[in-house]
Amino acid sequence: MAICKACKAKILWAEIAATKKLMPVDNKYVNIVTDDGRLERGMQTHYTSCPFAAQFRKKKSQCQNG
């Protein structure tokens, strides 16, 4: 169990299978509707509930036309 540096909520770290990177998730289960309409239980990313999420977003690099 970890604590969000910004809002102090309890969070967990989940590994994204495709990239092997870690993503913060809320420490509670929510109902999720899948693309085919099924209802499943899962955890949502903490970026959707943290009021300070914007300060953790990486800035997109700007393209320079040469």
Protein backbone atom coordinates (compact mmCIF):
# COMPACT_ATOMS: atom_id res chain seq x y z
CA MET A 1 0.00 0.00 0.00
CA ALA A 2 1.26 3.46 -0.89
CA ILE A 3 0.06 7.01 -0.32
CA CYS A 4 -0.50 9.57 -3.10
CA LYS A 5 2.05 12.37 -2.63
CA ALA A 6 -0.53 15.01 -3.57
CA CYS A 7 -3.93 14.07 -2.09
CA LYS A 8 -2.71 11.56 0.54
CA ALA A 9 -5.16 8.84 -0.61
CA LYS A 10 -4.24 5.17 -0.22
CA ILE A 11 -3.23 3.76 -3.61
CA LEU A 12 -1.82 0.57 -5.10
CA TRP A 13 0.60 0.18 -8.00
CA ALA A 14 -0.54 -2.02 -10.90
CA GLU A 15 1.71 -3.18 -13.71
CA ILE A 16 0.48 -2.48 -17.23
CA ALA A 17 0.96 -5.78 -19.05
CA ALA A 18 1.84 -4.31 -22.45
CA THR A 19 4.49 -1.86 -21.24
CA LYS A 20 5.57 -3.28 -17.87
CA LYS A 21 5.20 0.23 -16.43
CA LEU A 22 3.51 0.90 -13.09
CA MET A 23 0.23 2.82 -12.83
CA PRO A 24 -1.35 4.11 -9.59
CA VAL A 25 -4.84 2.73 -8.92
CA ASP A 26 -7.38 3.55 -6.23
CA ASN A 27 -7.57 1.14 -3.33
CA LYS A 28 -11.17 0.15 -4.03
CA TYR A 29 -13.09 -1.85 -6.58
CA VAL A 30 -15.54 -0.22 -8.99
CA ASN A 31 -18.03 -1.60 -11.50
CA ILE A 32 -16.79 -1.43 -15.08
CA VAL A 33 -18.90 -1.92 -18.22
CA THR A 34 -16.87 -3.64 -20.93
CA ASP A 35 -17.06 -2.85 -24.65
CA ASP A 36 -19.40 -5.80 -25.16
CA GLY A 37 -21.75 -4.66 -22.35
CA ARG A 38 -20.69 -7.04 -19.57
CA LEU A 39 -20.40 -5.74 -16.00
CA GLU A 40 -17.09 -6.51 -14.28
CA ARG A 41 -15.33 -5.40 -11.11
CA GLY A 42 -11.99 -3.71 -11.34
CA MET A 43 -9.87 -0.86 -10.08
CA GLN A 44 -9.72 2.56 -11.67
CA THR A 45 -6.61 4.55 -12.25
CA HIS A 46 -5.94 7.08 -9.51
CA TYR A 47 -5.50 9.78 -12.17
CA THR A 48 -9.31 9.88 -12.56
CA SER A 49 -10.00 10.58 -8.88
CA CYS A 50 -7.00 12.63 -7.71
CA PRO A 51 -7.73 16.37 -7.71
CA PHE A 52 -4.01 17.01 -8.28
CA ALA A 53 -3.48 14.55 -11.17
CA ALA A 54 -2.48 17.28 -13.64
CA GLN A 55 0.74 17.99 -11.75
CA PHE A 56 1.93 14.43 -12.44
CA ARG A 57 1.26 14.46 -16.20
CA LYS A 58 4.30 14.49 -18.43
CA LYS A 59 4.45 17.38 -20.85
CA LYS A 60 4.28 16.46 -24.52
CA SER A 61 7.41 17.35 -26.41
CA GLN A 62 6.87 19.93 -29.09
CA CYS A 63 7.79 19.10 -32.65
CA GLN A 64 10.13 21.47 -34.36
CA ASN A 65 9.75 21.79 -38.08
CA GLY A 66 13.11 22.06 -39.77
